[in-house]
């Protein structure tokens, strides 16, 4: 995320379209160090997907700033545990396809 943030000019936007719910995805995006705001939209019924729009140069909302503080406090209280931002993919799905 830091590399994406560095590439954006002030007012630039990073758009993420995903099935990941805000509970999981906002944990990655809500960081003051990225220097962007986050807006979230959802579309669909039954099979919902989410659109996150981060705008460079805008502050986090108070709710997103509180989420970041909570995550930092959690990391301090559990020093031996590092929150995973991405799980390693150990499955080799392409090799398992029979043609």
C-alpha atoms as a PDB file:
ATOM      1  CA  UNK A   1       0.000   0.000   0.000  1.00  0.00           C
ATOM      2  CA  UNK A   2       2.852   2.382   0.750  1.00  0.00           C
ATOM      3  CA  UNK A   3       4.087   2.080  -2.844  1.00  0.00           C
ATOM      4  CA  UNK A   4       0.625   2.858  -4.189  1.00  0.00           C
ATOM      5  CA  UNK A   5       0.390   5.847  -1.863  1.00  0.00           C
ATOM      6  CA  UNK A   6       3.763   7.157  -3.057  1.00  0.00           C
ATOM      7  CA  UNK A   7       2.693   6.933  -6.714  1.00  0.00           C
ATOM      8  CA  UNK A   8      -0.412   9.057  -6.234  1.00  0.00           C
ATOM      9  CA  UNK A   9      -0.246  12.811  -6.609  1.00  0.00           C
ATOM     10  CA  UNK A  10      -2.403  15.036  -4.356  1.00  0.00           C
ATOM     11  CA  UNK A  11      -6.033  14.467  -5.320  1.00  0.00           C
ATOM     12  CA  UNK A  12      -5.139  11.190  -7.047  1.00  0.00           C
ATOM     13  CA  UNK A  13      -7.356   8.194  -6.384  1.00  0.00           C
ATOM     14  CA  UNK A  14      -6.763   4.515  -5.823  1.00  0.00           C
ATOM     15  CA  UNK A  15      -9.861   2.400  -6.438  1.00  0.00           C
ATOM     16  CA  UNK A  16     -10.210  -1.135  -5.093  1.00  0.00           C
ATOM     17  CA  UNK A  17     -13.098  -3.383  -6.155  1.00  0.00           C
ATOM     18  CA  UNK A  18     -13.373  -6.534  -4.071  1.00  0.00           C
ATOM     19  CA  UNK A  19     -15.637  -9.004  -2.346  1.00  0.00           C
ATOM     20  CA  UNK A  20     -13.718  -8.389   0.911  1.00  0.00           C
ATOM     21  CA  UNK A  21     -15.968  -6.833   3.523  1.00  0.00           C
ATOM     22  CA  UNK A  22     -15.005  -3.588   5.299  1.00  0.00           C
ATOM     23  CA  UNK A  23     -14.209  -5.445   8.515  1.00  0.00           C
ATOM     24  CA  UNK A  24     -11.243  -7.004   6.739  1.00  0.00           C
ATOM     25  CA  UNK A  25     -10.304  -4.551   3.997  1.00  0.00           C
ATOM     26  CA  UNK A  26     -10.397  -1.283   5.951  1.00  0.00           C
ATOM     27  CA  UNK A  27      -7.767  -2.719   8.298  1.00  0.00           C
ATOM     28  CA  UNK A  28      -5.358  -2.504   5.383  1.00  0.00           C
ATOM     29  CA  UNK A  29      -6.368   0.902   4.059  1.00  0.00           C
ATOM     30  CA  UNK A  30      -6.931   2.934   7.261  1.00  0.00           C
ATOM     31  CA  UNK A  31      -3.389   4.217   7.866  1.00  0.00           C
ATOM     32  CA  UNK A  32      -2.414   7.857   8.364  1.00  0.00           C
ATOM     33  CA  UNK A  33       0.983   7.147   6.777  1.00  0.00           C
ATOM     34  CA  UNK A  34      -0.736   6.686   3.401  1.00  0.00           C
ATOM     35  CA  UNK A  35      -2.100  10.246   3.589  1.00  0.00           C
ATOM     36  CA  UNK A  36      -5.457   9.420   2.039  1.00  0.00           C
ATOM     37  CA  UNK A  37      -9.131   9.322   2.881  1.00  0.00           C
ATOM     38  CA  UNK A  38     -11.302   6.266   2.362  1.00  0.00           C
ATOM     39  CA  UNK A  39     -14.804   6.134   0.942  1.00  0.00           C
ATOM     40  CA  UNK A  40     -16.641   2.864   0.742  1.00  0.00           C
ATOM     41  CA  UNK A  41     -19.530   1.797  -1.486  1.00  0.00           C
ATOM     42  CA  UNK A  42     -21.312  -1.538  -1.807  1.00  0.00           C
ATOM     43  CA  UNK A  43     -23.250  -2.982  -4.729  1.00  0.00           C
ATOM     44  CA  UNK A  44     -25.295  -6.078  -5.316  1.00  0.00           C
ATOM     45  CA  UNK A  45     -27.785  -8.131  -3.400  1.00  0.00           C
ATOM     46  CA  UNK A  46     -26.970 -11.566  -2.071  1.00  0.00           C
ATOM     47  CA  UNK A  47     -23.587 -11.474  -3.805  1.00  0.00           C
ATOM     48  CA  UNK A  48     -22.315  -8.124  -2.627  1.00  0.00           C
ATOM     49  CA  UNK A  49     -19.095  -6.499  -3.731  1.00  0.00           C
ATOM     50  CA  UNK A  50     -17.368  -3.447  -2.318  1.00  0.00           C
ATOM     51  CA  UNK A  51     -15.673  -0.446  -3.873  1.00  0.00           C
ATOM     52  CA  UNK A  52     -13.115   1.491  -1.852  1.00  0.00           C
ATOM     53  CA  UNK A  53     -11.911   4.860  -3.107  1.00  0.00           C
ATOM     54  CA  UNK A  54      -8.817   6.311  -1.471  1.00  0.00           C
ATOM     55  CA  UNK A  55      -8.063   9.972  -2.249  1.00  0.00           C
ATOM     56  CA  UNK A  56      -4.495  11.177  -1.694  1.00  0.00           C
ATOM     57  CA  UNK A  57      -4.011  14.307   0.387  1.00  0.00           C
ATOM     58  CA  UNK A  58      -7.212  13.978   2.407  1.00  0.00           C
ATOM     59  CA  UNK A  59      -7.343  12.996   6.079  1.00  0.00           C
ATOM     60  CA  UNK A  60      -8.823   9.797   7.402  1.00  0.00           C
ATOM     61  CA  UNK A  61     -12.329  10.137   8.792  1.00  0.00           C
ATOM     62  CA  UNK A  62     -12.541  10.085  12.611  1.00  0.00           C
ATOM     63  CA  UNK A  63     -13.933   6.526  12.425  1.00  0.00           C
ATOM     64  CA  UNK A  64     -11.061   5.326  10.228  1.00  0.00           C
ATOM     65  CA  UNK A  65      -8.508   7.088  12.439  1.00  0.00           C
ATOM     66  CA  UNK A  66     -10.031   5.315  15.467  1.00  0.00           C
ATOM     67  CA  UNK A  67      -9.760   1.994  13.625  1.00  0.00           C
ATOM     68  CA  UNK A  68      -6.061   2.642  13.020  1.00  0.00           C
ATOM     69  CA  UNK A  69      -5.502   3.489  16.708  1.00  0.00           C
ATOM     70  CA  UNK A  70      -7.308   0.307  17.745  1.00  0.00           C
ATOM     71  CA  UNK A  71      -5.136  -1.804  15.424  1.00  0.00           C
ATOM     72  CA  UNK A  72      -1.949  -0.202  16.772  1.00  0.00           C
ATOM     73  CA  UNK A  73      -3.052  -0.888  20.351  1.00  0.00           C
ATOM     74  CA  UNK A  74      -3.814  -4.518  19.455  1.00  0.00           C
ATOM     75  CA  UNK A  75      -0.347  -4.954  17.960  1.00  0.00           C
ATOM     76  CA  UNK A  76       1.292  -3.473  21.080  1.00  0.00           C
ATOM     77  CA  UNK A  77      -0.694  -5.726  23.421  1.00  0.00           C
ATOM     78  CA  UNK A  78       0.264  -8.849  21.450  1.00  0.00           C
ATOM     79  CA  UNK A  79       3.932  -8.336  20.547  1.00  0.00           C
ATOM     80  CA  UNK A  80       4.498 -11.949  19.476  1.00  0.00           C
ATOM     81  CA  UNK A  81       1.682 -11.862  16.955  1.00  0.00           C
ATOM     82  CA  UNK A  82       1.954 -10.012  13.653  1.00  0.00           C
ATOM     83  CA  UNK A  83      -1.342  -9.379  11.859  1.00  0.00           C
ATOM     84  CA  UNK A  84      -1.344 -10.942   8.413  1.00  0.00           C
ATOM     85  CA  UNK A  85      -2.137  -8.619   5.554  1.00  0.00           C
ATOM     86  CA  UNK A  86      -2.042 -11.356   2.975  1.00  0.00           C
ATOM     87  CA  UNK A  87      -2.038 -15.107   3.287  1.00  0.00           C
ATOM     88  CA  UNK A  88       0.577 -17.026   1.399  1.00  0.00           C
ATOM     89  CA  UNK A  89      -0.880 -19.046  -1.422  1.00  0.00           C
ATOM     90  CA  UNK A  90       0.445 -22.585  -1.068  1.00  0.00           C
ATOM     91  CA  UNK A  91      -2.035 -24.162  -3.447  1.00  0.00           C
ATOM     92  CA  UNK A  92      -0.972 -24.840  -7.015  1.00  0.00           C
ATOM     93  CA  UNK A  93      -4.392 -24.621  -8.643  1.00  0.00           C
ATOM     94  CA  UNK A  94      -3.143 -24.290 -12.220  1.00  0.00           C
ATOM     95  CA  UNK A  95      -1.249 -27.574 -12.003  1.00  0.00           C
ATOM     96  CA  UNK A  96      -4.378 -29.341 -10.737  1.00  0.00           C
ATOM     97  CA  UNK A  97      -6.481 -28.541 -13.811  1.00  0.00           C
ATOM     98  CA  UNK A  98      -7.174 -31.569 -15.985  1.00  0.00           C
ATOM     99  CA  UNK A  99      -7.718 -30.777 -19.642  1.00  0.00           C
END
